[in-house]
Amino acid sequence: MKAELQFFMLKDDEREFLAFAEQHIDNIENQNHFVIGDCEVIFTPSVLTGDTLFMGSIVINSGGIDDGLKDQTRANNTYRQLRNWIKKRYYNRMSTWTEGEEDKSSRTRNIWLGTHAKKWAEENKNAKMKRSETSSICFGIAPELKAIGKIEPSDKKFRLKRSTL
């Protein structure tokens, strides 16, 4: 299985996540390799530099059936537990744009924002979230969309056809 989950975390979010992760993995090597039997999940924490928070991730590559890894099922299940923990607690209504083109933003639902990172972004008017130091891809909390009214046809002709069915 190959999978990746991307997020923005501050140190408090990271501490909470690591406390959960430590209960489900065998060992942590080099502060970011979560060992599960003969497999590993790589944790890359977010980095805050000034007012810019750079994206982090958890990644698993437990190989295929022919790779000879004995613990890949357990590793895959552990990765899912870590992923689900993030998805249950983090916010994912984000917008994204290319730096300098803020007016051309789009929504994304596959980037996760930690609770402390969300509060930081809401309270810090200079806050920026970027994919990496060299990337021009930026992220922000997406504005809430207001209801645009009922989605019902107002055309009499349509109503007549529908009612005769």
Protein backbone atom coordinates (compact mmCIF):
# COMPACT_ATOMS: atom_id res chain seq x y z
CA MET A 1 0.00 0.00 0.00
CA LYS A 2 1.22 3.48 -0.86
CA ALA A 3 -0.62 6.40 0.71
CA GLU A 4 -0.05 9.94 1.95
CA LEU A 5 -2.03 12.35 4.09
CA GLN A 6 -1.01 16.03 4.06
CA PHE A 7 -1.65 18.49 6.89
CA PHE A 8 -0.68 21.68 8.64
CA MET A 9 0.21 21.24 12.34
CA LEU A 10 1.66 23.48 14.99
CA LYS A 11 3.84 22.02 17.78
CA ASP A 12 0.83 21.50 20.08
CA ASP A 13 -0.99 19.60 17.31
CA GLU A 14 2.16 17.55 16.72
CA ARG A 15 2.50 16.66 20.43
CA GLU A 16 -1.11 15.45 20.53
CA PHE A 17 -0.65 13.41 17.36
CA LEU A 18 2.63 11.84 18.56
CA ALA A 19 1.03 10.92 21.90
CA PHE A 20 -1.64 9.01 19.97
CA ALA A 21 0.84 7.49 17.50
CA GLU A 22 3.12 6.18 20.25
CA GLN A 23 0.28 3.98 21.50
CA HIS A 24 -0.01 2.22 18.13
CA ILE A 25 3.53 1.80 16.80
CA ASP A 26 6.47 -0.32 17.88
CA ASN A 27 9.15 2.36 17.88
CA ILE A 28 10.12 5.82 16.60
CA GLU A 29 13.47 6.11 14.84
CA ASN A 30 15.11 9.44 13.93
CA GLN A 31 12.06 11.33 15.31
CA ASN A 32 10.01 10.72 12.15
CA HIS A 33 10.13 7.02 11.21
CA PHE A 34 7.33 5.12 12.90
CA VAL A 35 8.36 1.46 12.95
CA ILE A 36 5.62 -1.18 12.73
CA GLY A 37 7.24 -4.61 12.55
CA ASP A 38 9.30 -4.67 9.34
CA CYS A 39 7.44 -1.65 7.87
CA GLU A 40 7.46 2.06 8.58
CA VAL A 41 5.32 5.16 8.35
CA ILE A 42 7.25 8.35 7.67
CA PHE A 43 6.05 11.39 9.60
CA THR A 44 7.17 14.76 8.25
CA PRO A 45 6.06 17.48 10.66
CA SER A 46 4.93 20.91 9.53
CA VAL A 47 7.50 23.67 9.97
CA LEU A 48 6.67 27.19 11.14
CA THR A 49 9.10 29.81 9.88
CA GLY A 50 8.11 33.34 10.84
CA ASP A 51 4.46 33.71 9.80
CA THR A 52 4.58 30.86 7.28
CA LEU A 53 3.54 27.31 8.10
CA PHE A 54 4.82 24.66 5.70
CA MET A 55 2.91 21.44 5.01
CA GLY A 56 3.68 18.15 6.72
CA SER A 57 2.58 14.59 5.96
CA ILE A 58 2.40 10.97 6.98
CA VAL A 59 3.38 8.48 4.29
CA ILE A 60 3.32 4.70 4.10
CA ASN A 61 4.85 2.44 1.49
CA SER A 62 4.34 -1.04 2.83
CA GLY A 63 5.02 -2.64 -0.53
CA GLY A 64 3.04 -5.18 -2.45
CA ILE A 65 2.34 -8.86 -1.94
CA ASP A 66 5.67 -9.90 -3.45
CA ASP A 67 7.84 -7.60 -1.32
CA GLY A 68 8.19 -10.11 1.52
CA LEU A 69 7.18 -7.77 4.34
CA LYS A 70 5.55 -9.82 7.09
CA ASP A 71 3.87 -6.95 8.92
CA GLN A 72 2.34 -5.01 6.04
CA THR A 73 -1.27 -5.74 7.07
CA ARG A 74 -0.61 -4.47 10.60
CA ALA A 75 1.30 -1.46 9.21
CA ASN A 76 -1.53 -0.61 6.82
CA ASN A 77 -4.06 -0.83 9.65
CA THR A 78 -1.88 1.36 11.87
CA TYR A 79 -1.52 3.95 9.09
CA ARG A 80 -5.33 3.99 8.74
CA GLN A 81 -5.69 4.54 12.50
CA LEU A 82 -3.25 7.49 12.34
CA ARG A 83 -5.00 8.90 9.27
CA ASN A 84 -8.44 8.53 10.81
CA TRP A 85 -7.30 10.20 14.03
CA ILE A 86 -6.27 13.25 12.01
CA LYS A 87 -9.43 13.24 9.88
CA LYS A 88 -11.71 13.09 12.95
CA ARG A 89 -10.00 16.01 14.71
CA TYR A 90 -8.73 18.32 11.97
CA TYR A 91 -10.44 20.82 9.68
CA ASN A 92 -10.39 20.28 5.91
CA ARG A 93 -12.35 23.13 4.32
CA MET A 94 -9.36 24.78 2.73
CA SER A 95 -8.78 26.95 -0.29
CA THR A 96 -5.68 26.93 -2.47
CA TRP A 97 -4.12 29.31 -4.98
CA THR A 98 -0.86 30.15 -6.66
CA GLU A 99 1.08 32.92 -4.97
CA GLY A 100 0.21 36.27 -6.53
CA GLU A 101 -3.10 34.95 -7.88
CA GLU A 102 -5.24 35.00 -4.72
CA ASP A 103 -8.32 35.91 -6.76
CA LYS A 104 -8.09 32.53 -8.55
CA SER A 105 -8.50 30.29 -5.54
CA SER A 106 -10.22 26.93 -5.47
CA ARG A 107 -11.44 24.68 -2.69
CA THR A 108 -9.69 21.53 -1.56
CA ARG A 109 -10.89 18.93 0.94
CA ASN A 110 -7.79 16.70 1.08
CA ILE A 111 -5.51 18.95 3.16
CA TRP A 112 -6.04 18.83 6.93
CA LEU A 113 -5.55 21.71 9.38
CA GLY A 114 -4.80 20.97 13.03
CA THR A 115 -6.92 22.62 15.72
CA HIS A 116 -4.07 24.77 17.05
CA ALA A 117 -2.94 25.62 13.51
CA LYS A 118 -6.50 26.67 12.60
CA LYS A 119 -6.71 28.96 15.61
CA TRP A 120 -3.29 30.42 14.71
CA ALA A 121 -4.40 31.04 11.10
CA GLU A 122 -7.65 32.69 12.21
CA GLU A 123 -5.97 34.97 14.77
CA ASN A 124 -2.82 35.90 12.83
CA LYS A 125 -3.58 38.25 9.92
CA ASN A 126 -0.07 37.66 8.50
CA ALA A 127 -0.39 33.87 8.62
CA LYS A 128 0.54 32.00 5.45
CA MET A 129 0.36 28.29 4.71
CA LYS A 130 2.41 26.90 1.85
CA ARG A 131 3.22 23.49 0.40
CA SER A 132 7.00 24.03 0.84
CA GLU A 133 9.59 26.79 1.00
CA THR A 134 10.16 26.63 -2.77
CA SER A 135 6.52 26.13 -3.77
CA SER A 136 4.23 28.91 -4.96
CA ILE A 137 1.14 26.93 -3.84
CA CYS A 138 -0.61 28.60 -0.89
CA PHE A 139 -3.48 27.50 1.34
CA GLY A 140 -6.01 29.22 3.56
CA ILE A 141 -9.21 28.52 5.43
CA ALA A 142 -11.97 28.54 2.84
CA PRO A 143 -14.75 31.06 3.36
CA GLU A 144 -18.13 29.64 4.20
CA LEU A 145 -20.54 29.61 1.28
CA LYS A 146 -23.94 31.17 1.86
CA ALA A 147 -27.04 29.36 0.69
CA ILE A 148 -28.01 30.44 -2.80
CA GLY A 149 -31.68 29.63 -2.46
CA LYS A 150 -33.78 26.67 -3.41
CA ILE A 151 -32.59 24.52 -6.23
CA GLU A 152 -35.92 23.95 -7.83
CA PRO A 153 -36.93 24.69 -11.40
CA SER A 154 -39.21 27.67 -11.83
CA ASP A 155 -40.16 26.74 -15.37
CA LYS A 156 -43.88 25.78 -15.64
CA LYS A 157 -43.17 23.43 -18.53
CA PHE A 158 -40.73 21.42 -16.42
CA ARG A 159 -43.17 21.19 -13.51
CA LEU A 160 -45.93 19.87 -15.77
CA LYS A 161 -43.72 17.16 -17.25
CA ARG A 162 -42.52 16.14 -13.82
CA SER A 163 -46.00 15.93 -12.34
CA THR A 164 -47.29 13.72 -15.15
CA LEU A 165 -44.67 11.04 -14.50
